[in-house]
Amino acid sequence: MTPDIFFTRIVEPTLKDMAVSPAIAIPASDGARVLVMAIAGQESRWAARRQIGGPARSYWQFERGGGVAGLFRVAPRQLGAVCAACDVTFDAATVFEAMAWHDMLACAMARLLLWSDPAPLPAAGDKDAGWQYYLRTWRPGLPHPESWAGVYDRAFAAIGRAA
């Protein structure tokens, strides 16, 4: 999937819905848009719903004992509201499997994981701060700093073209 299509079909509608939902009410800033986009690009190149050779699910490559478990712990009310809106049973096993194929659920979970960090989101365009935020929230086992700048630039451009 191209970054433009990914943004238009998945990221923008999900973040807008999260912002207007009284049960979730998490803002849809450009900083959030670009980071949600860039992380999906970094983790899966906007192409893999299931990790090749691994256990992770969704374009954001959540692991059941990592990001999924973390959200059940730090944002259960918001995650429960997301699951209800997506018609997905609120239990870790179901959410983990569903997020591979339910793009709105997975995108909302990515935004919730960013929201759970107490530090403010980096401004759109701040690649270095975005990288640090990604490392802190996703805690990738094998980070690839050499690909971040290109992925981030593609994500930032897709958001700009959609504006």
Protein backbone atom coordinates (compact mmCIF):
# COMPACT_ATOMS: atom_id res chain seq x y z
CA MET A 1 0.00 0.00 0.00
CA THR A 2 1.31 3.47 -0.75
CA PRO A 3 1.70 5.99 2.08
CA ASP A 4 -0.90 8.25 0.41
CA ILE A 5 -3.54 5.52 0.33
CA PHE A 6 -2.59 4.36 3.83
CA PHE A 7 -3.06 7.87 5.21
CA THR A 8 -6.32 8.56 3.38
CA ARG A 9 -8.00 5.20 4.05
CA ILE A 10 -6.69 4.28 7.49
CA VAL A 11 -4.92 6.97 9.49
CA GLU A 12 -6.96 10.10 8.85
CA PRO A 13 -10.43 8.56 9.34
CA THR A 14 -9.32 6.69 12.48
CA LEU A 15 -7.72 9.70 14.13
CA LYS A 16 -10.70 11.91 13.28
CA ASP A 17 -13.09 9.35 14.80
CA MET A 18 -10.98 9.11 17.94
CA ALA A 19 -10.96 12.89 18.33
CA VAL A 20 -14.74 13.27 18.15
CA SER A 21 -15.65 10.21 20.22
CA PRO A 22 -16.68 11.33 23.72
CA ALA A 23 -15.41 8.02 25.12
CA ILE A 24 -11.93 8.48 23.62
CA ALA A 25 -11.40 12.19 22.84
CA ILE A 26 -7.74 12.03 21.83
CA PRO A 27 -6.70 14.92 19.58
CA ALA A 28 -5.77 14.37 15.94
CA SER A 29 -2.75 16.67 15.54
CA ASP A 30 -0.33 16.72 12.62
CA GLY A 31 2.34 15.48 15.03
CA ALA A 32 0.18 12.43 15.78
CA ARG A 33 -0.64 11.90 12.11
CA VAL A 34 2.96 11.86 10.96
CA LEU A 35 4.18 9.71 13.85
CA VAL A 36 1.41 7.12 13.43
CA MET A 37 2.22 7.03 9.71
CA ALA A 38 6.00 6.88 10.16
CA ILE A 39 5.85 4.10 12.74
CA ALA A 40 3.71 1.94 10.44
CA GLY A 41 6.23 2.63 7.67
CA GLN A 42 9.18 1.81 9.91
CA GLU A 43 7.61 -1.35 11.29
CA SER A 44 6.04 -2.83 8.14
CA ARG A 45 6.72 -0.51 5.20
CA TRP A 46 2.91 -0.13 5.05
CA ALA A 47 2.79 -3.67 3.66
CA ALA A 48 2.76 -6.42 6.32
CA ARG A 49 -0.25 -7.10 8.52
CA ARG A 50 1.55 -10.04 10.13
CA GLN A 51 5.24 -10.02 10.97
CA ILE A 52 7.28 -12.16 8.61
CA GLY A 53 8.89 -14.83 10.77
CA GLY A 54 7.53 -13.38 14.00
CA PRO A 55 4.50 -12.98 16.22
CA ALA A 56 3.60 -9.32 15.67
CA ARG A 57 0.30 -8.13 14.17
CA SER A 58 -0.90 -5.13 12.15
CA TYR A 59 1.01 -2.60 10.09
CA TRP A 60 2.32 -1.29 13.43
CA GLN A 61 3.61 -4.75 14.41
CA PHE A 62 2.17 -5.00 17.92
CA GLU A 63 3.14 -8.00 20.02
CA ARG A 64 0.65 -9.58 22.37
CA GLY A 65 2.89 -9.33 25.43
CA GLY A 66 4.21 -5.89 24.43
CA GLY A 67 2.02 -3.13 23.05
CA VAL A 68 -1.26 -5.05 23.38
CA ALA A 69 -0.65 -5.96 27.03
CA GLY A 70 0.63 -2.46 27.70
CA LEU A 71 -2.55 -0.83 26.41
CA PHE A 72 -4.75 -3.14 28.47
CA ARG A 73 -2.75 -1.95 31.47
CA VAL A 74 -2.35 1.81 30.82
CA ALA A 75 -5.43 2.74 28.76
CA PRO A 76 -8.16 0.15 29.44
CA ARG A 77 -11.05 2.64 29.31
CA GLN A 78 -9.96 4.11 25.96
CA LEU A 79 -9.05 0.72 24.50
CA GLY A 80 -12.42 -0.63 25.62
CA ALA A 81 -14.15 2.24 23.83
CA VAL A 82 -12.10 1.58 20.68
CA CYS A 83 -12.98 -2.14 20.81
CA ALA A 84 -16.68 -1.33 21.26
CA ALA A 85 -16.59 1.07 18.30
CA CYS A 86 -14.85 -1.59 16.19
CA ASP A 87 -17.16 -4.42 17.35
CA VAL A 88 -14.19 -6.39 18.72
CA THR A 89 -14.42 -8.31 22.00
CA PHE A 90 -12.36 -6.63 24.71
CA ASP A 91 -9.86 -9.36 25.58
CA ALA A 92 -6.18 -9.52 24.72
CA ALA A 93 -6.30 -12.67 22.58
CA THR A 94 -9.16 -11.41 20.41
CA VAL A 95 -7.71 -7.92 20.06
CA PHE A 96 -4.31 -9.33 19.11
CA GLU A 97 -5.75 -11.44 16.30
CA ALA A 98 -8.29 -8.85 15.14
CA MET A 99 -5.74 -6.07 14.78
CA ALA A 100 -4.04 -7.92 11.92
CA TRP A 101 -7.11 -7.40 9.76
CA HIS A 102 -9.01 -4.54 11.40
CA ASP A 103 -7.07 -1.46 10.33
CA MET A 104 -9.10 1.03 12.35
CA LEU A 105 -8.54 -1.00 15.52
CA ALA A 106 -4.81 -1.26 14.87
CA CYS A 107 -4.43 2.42 14.00
CA ALA A 108 -6.38 3.47 17.09
CA MET A 109 -4.14 1.24 19.20
CA ALA A 110 -1.06 2.88 17.69
CA ARG A 111 -2.45 6.32 18.57
CA LEU A 112 -3.33 5.14 22.08
CA LEU A 113 0.19 3.87 22.62
CA LEU A 114 1.59 7.27 21.62
CA TRP A 115 -1.01 8.98 23.84
CA SER A 116 0.07 6.86 26.82
CA ASP A 117 3.51 8.48 26.83
CA PRO A 118 3.47 11.49 29.19
CA ALA A 119 5.85 13.49 27.00
CA PRO A 120 4.25 15.81 24.43
CA LEU A 121 4.21 14.54 20.86
CA PRO A 122 6.97 15.94 18.69
CA ALA A 123 5.98 18.58 16.17
CA ALA A 124 5.30 17.35 12.65
CA GLY A 125 8.60 17.55 10.80
CA ASP A 126 10.86 16.90 13.82
CA LYS A 127 12.38 13.61 12.66
CA ASP A 128 14.88 13.25 15.48
CA ALA A 129 12.32 13.79 18.23
CA GLY A 130 9.98 11.43 16.36
CA TRP A 131 12.68 8.76 16.36
CA GLN A 132 13.19 9.14 20.11
CA TYR A 133 9.44 8.95 20.73
CA TYR A 134 9.22 5.82 18.57
CA LEU A 135 12.09 4.15 20.45
CA ARG A 136 10.52 4.97 23.81
CA THR A 137 6.97 3.87 22.99
CA TRP A 138 7.53 0.91 20.63
CA ARG A 139 10.78 -0.34 22.13
CA PRO A 140 11.79 -2.16 18.93
CA GLY A 141 14.04 -5.17 19.43
CA LEU A 142 16.14 -4.32 16.38
CA PRO A 143 15.79 -0.62 15.63
CA HIS A 144 16.88 0.48 12.17
CA PRO A 145 17.86 4.14 12.45
CA GLU A 146 19.17 4.13 8.90
CA SER A 147 15.65 3.77 7.46
CA TRP A 148 13.84 6.23 9.76
CA ALA A 149 14.58 9.47 7.87
CA GLY A 150 13.29 8.12 4.55
CA VAL A 151 10.19 6.56 6.08
CA TYR A 152 9.46 9.70 8.08
CA ASP A 153 9.84 11.89 4.99
CA ARG A 154 7.40 9.71 3.04
CA ALA A 155 4.88 9.83 5.91
CA PHE A 156 5.23 13.61 6.25
CA ALA A 157 4.78 14.07 2.48
CA ALA A 158 1.63 11.92 2.43
CA ILE A 159 0.07 14.09 5.14
CA GLY A 160 1.02 17.25 3.27
CA ARG A 161 -0.49 16.01 0.02
CA ALA A 162 -3.74 15.14 1.77
CA ALA A 163 -4.11 18.61 3.30
